[in-house]
């Protein structure tokens, strides 16, 4: 039996106004400051969720509990709250995946005045910085742990610890130091 592989470009139909990563400016390649990636970490049985964001050039992480799980409107509100302090020069683009929890991306875009782009389906490598950030968070929060038991204080501690960890990519500076150097 002979198999043929046909690569068909899939488009998420459940997200109105979705803009493909292929329309993202070339400058948002991870070397420019202000380009972010966004994702969620979900607990077993969808009990609890965490919104994660990372600035691509510094690997600086922001994270917050999502008390309503992957609810799109609640997620948009939390994303806005986390990113509002960086609106302007530290916020140029956001890239995410095609999860229905990002269906309110137009609200995020409008409130923060930043374009939101969507990776191709099943192409997590197109947003590798956030995938790596989530793996670092998972060192502290195993997949089998229910996220609704992670307090805001505990999550802030985890994120601070990761942001203070020196990285080879940053010439052994911490993401926190590199991120805030842009504000001096």
Protein backbone atom coordinates (compact mmCIF):
# COMPACT_ATOMS: atom_id res chain seq x y z
CA UNK A 1 0.00 0.00 0.00
CA UNK A 2 1.37 3.37 -0.99
CA UNK A 3 0.82 6.43 1.19
CA UNK A 4 0.89 9.97 -0.05
CA UNK A 5 1.48 12.91 2.18
CA UNK A 6 -0.35 16.05 1.27
CA UNK A 7 0.56 19.14 3.24
CA UNK A 8 -2.54 21.26 3.46
CA UNK A 9 -2.37 24.66 5.06
CA UNK A 10 -4.93 24.50 7.86
CA UNK A 11 -6.63 27.61 9.20
CA UNK A 12 -8.32 27.78 12.56
CA UNK A 13 -11.97 28.50 11.82
CA UNK A 14 -13.02 29.07 15.41
CA UNK A 15 -11.02 32.29 15.83
CA UNK A 16 -12.50 35.31 14.05
CA UNK A 17 -10.01 37.85 12.70
CA UNK A 18 -7.08 35.47 13.07
CA UNK A 19 -3.85 36.80 11.49
CA UNK A 20 -1.25 34.25 10.38
CA UNK A 21 2.31 34.25 11.66
CA UNK A 22 3.33 34.56 8.02
CA UNK A 23 2.09 38.16 8.13
CA UNK A 24 4.17 39.00 11.20
CA UNK A 25 6.94 41.56 10.49
CA UNK A 26 10.32 40.01 9.71
CA UNK A 27 11.85 42.12 12.54
CA UNK A 28 9.88 39.99 15.05
CA UNK A 29 12.39 37.17 14.63
CA UNK A 30 13.37 37.05 18.30
CA UNK A 31 16.25 39.51 18.10
CA UNK A 32 14.20 42.69 18.53
CA UNK A 33 13.00 43.75 21.98
CA UNK A 34 9.22 43.86 22.47
CA UNK A 35 8.02 40.77 20.63
CA UNK A 36 6.09 38.39 22.90
CA UNK A 37 4.74 34.85 22.76
CA UNK A 38 1.66 33.70 24.71
CA UNK A 39 0.39 30.27 25.72
CA UNK A 40 -1.42 28.40 28.47
CA UNK A 41 -0.44 25.60 30.80
CA UNK A 42 -3.42 23.42 31.68
CA UNK A 43 -3.78 21.02 34.57
CA UNK A 44 -5.02 17.43 34.37
CA UNK A 45 -8.70 17.17 33.58
CA UNK A 46 -8.63 20.87 32.68
CA UNK A 47 -8.59 21.74 36.39
CA UNK A 48 -6.93 25.11 36.47
CA UNK A 49 -4.86 26.97 33.90
CA UNK A 50 -1.97 29.41 33.83
CA UNK A 51 -1.42 32.11 31.21
CA UNK A 52 2.24 32.40 30.24
CA UNK A 53 3.94 35.15 28.28
CA UNK A 54 7.58 35.56 27.33
CA UNK A 55 9.48 38.38 25.68
CA UNK A 56 11.36 36.66 22.87
CA UNK A 57 14.74 38.47 22.92
CA UNK A 58 15.25 38.31 26.71
CA UNK A 59 13.22 35.20 27.62
CA UNK A 60 11.62 37.24 30.43
CA UNK A 61 8.49 35.43 31.63
CA UNK A 62 5.16 36.70 32.94
CA UNK A 63 2.53 34.29 34.25
CA UNK A 64 -0.81 34.40 36.04
CA UNK A 65 -3.42 31.97 37.21
CA UNK A 66 -6.61 31.76 35.17
CA UNK A 67 -9.33 31.15 37.76
CA UNK A 68 -11.89 30.54 35.00
CA UNK A 69 -9.66 28.07 33.18
CA UNK A 70 -9.29 28.56 29.44
CA UNK A 71 -12.18 31.04 29.17
CA UNK A 72 -11.25 33.42 26.32
CA UNK A 73 -12.71 36.62 27.80
CA UNK A 74 -11.09 36.04 31.19
CA UNK A 75 -7.77 35.19 29.54
CA UNK A 76 -7.89 38.42 27.49
CA UNK A 77 -8.42 40.41 30.67
CA UNK A 78 -5.49 38.73 32.43
CA UNK A 79 -3.22 39.20 29.37
CA UNK A 80 -4.15 42.88 29.29
CA UNK A 81 -3.38 43.27 33.00
CA UNK A 82 0.02 41.56 32.68
CA UNK A 83 1.12 43.44 29.55
CA UNK A 84 -0.32 46.90 30.24
CA UNK A 85 2.84 48.15 32.03
CA UNK A 86 4.83 47.37 28.86
CA UNK A 87 2.43 48.94 26.35
CA UNK A 88 4.38 51.01 23.88
CA UNK A 89 8.04 50.40 23.18
CA UNK A 90 8.24 47.07 25.08
CA UNK A 91 5.21 45.60 23.31
CA UNK A 92 5.40 45.28 19.52
CA UNK A 93 3.80 41.91 18.66
CA UNK A 94 2.26 38.86 20.34
CA UNK A 95 2.36 35.38 18.81
CA UNK A 96 0.20 32.52 20.04
CA UNK A 97 -1.28 29.21 18.94
CA UNK A 98 -4.77 28.38 17.72
CA UNK A 99 -6.35 27.40 21.01
CA UNK A 100 -9.91 28.61 21.48
CA UNK A 101 -8.76 30.37 24.66
CA UNK A 102 -7.20 33.01 22.37
CA UNK A 103 -10.46 33.77 20.54
CA UNK A 104 -10.60 37.21 22.22
CA UNK A 105 -7.29 38.25 20.66
CA UNK A 106 -8.95 41.27 19.01
CA UNK A 107 -9.77 42.61 22.47
CA UNK A 108 -6.14 42.19 23.55
CA UNK A 109 -4.94 43.82 20.35
CA UNK A 110 -7.31 46.76 20.65
CA UNK A 111 -6.68 47.46 24.34
CA UNK A 112 -2.88 47.17 24.09
CA UNK A 113 -2.51 48.56 20.55
CA UNK A 114 -0.46 45.53 19.48
CA UNK A 115 -1.00 42.99 16.68
CA UNK A 116 -1.58 39.35 17.63
CA UNK A 117 -0.36 36.64 15.23
CA UNK A 118 -1.21 32.94 15.19
CA UNK A 119 1.25 30.12 14.54
CA UNK A 120 0.32 27.46 12.02
CA UNK A 121 -1.66 24.54 13.47
CA UNK A 122 0.58 21.85 15.00
CA UNK A 123 3.67 24.07 14.61
CA UNK A 124 4.73 24.72 18.19
CA UNK A 125 8.29 25.31 16.97
CA UNK A 126 7.05 28.64 15.53
CA UNK A 127 6.68 29.88 19.11
CA UNK A 128 9.65 28.14 20.67
CA UNK A 129 10.39 30.76 23.33
CA UNK A 130 7.08 30.20 25.13
CA UNK A 131 7.33 26.43 24.75
CA UNK A 132 10.72 26.61 26.48
CA UNK A 133 9.32 28.91 29.19
CA UNK A 134 6.51 26.45 29.84
CA UNK A 135 9.04 23.61 30.18
CA UNK A 136 10.95 25.65 32.77
CA UNK A 137 7.74 26.29 34.71
CA UNK A 138 6.93 22.57 34.49
CA UNK A 139 10.16 21.87 36.42
CA UNK A 140 8.29 23.31 39.40
CA UNK A 141 4.75 22.31 38.47
CA UNK A 142 4.57 18.72 37.14
CA UNK A 143 1.91 17.82 34.56
CA UNK A 144 0.00 15.67 37.04
CA UNK A 145 -0.41 18.57 39.51
CA UNK A 146 -3.79 20.29 39.58
CA UNK A 147 -3.15 23.94 38.84
CA UNK A 148 -6.06 25.27 40.85
CA UNK A 149 -3.94 24.52 43.94
CA UNK A 150 -1.07 26.78 42.81
CA UNK A 151 -1.42 30.09 44.65
CA UNK A 152 -0.62 33.41 43.00
CA UNK A 153 2.22 33.80 45.51
CA UNK A 154 3.71 30.39 44.61
CA UNK A 155 3.43 31.12 40.88
CA UNK A 156 5.12 34.53 41.34
CA UNK A 157 7.94 32.80 43.27
CA UNK A 158 8.45 30.27 40.45
CA UNK A 159 8.48 32.94 37.74
CA UNK A 160 10.89 35.14 39.73
CA UNK A 161 13.24 32.19 40.24
CA UNK A 162 13.25 31.40 36.49
CA UNK A 163 13.68 35.07 35.53
CA UNK A 164 16.70 35.32 37.87
CA UNK A 165 18.40 32.24 36.36
CA UNK A 166 21.39 33.21 34.11
CA UNK A 167 21.11 32.03 30.49
CA UNK A 168 23.85 31.21 28.03
CA UNK A 169 21.79 32.84 25.27
CA UNK A 170 22.03 36.13 27.21
CA UNK A 171 25.80 35.88 27.83
CA UNK A 172 24.97 34.49 31.28
CA UNK A 173 22.82 37.45 32.28
CA UNK A 174 19.43 36.71 33.76
CA UNK A 175 16.26 37.37 31.73
CA UNK A 176 15.21 39.87 34.42
CA UNK A 177 18.45 41.86 34.17
CA UNK A 178 18.42 41.85 30.36
CA UNK A 179 14.70 42.76 30.17
CA UNK A 180 14.95 45.70 32.55
CA UNK A 181 18.17 46.96 30.93
CA UNK A 182 15.92 48.25 28.14
CA UNK A 183 14.26 50.61 30.64
CA UNK A 184 17.46 52.34 31.85
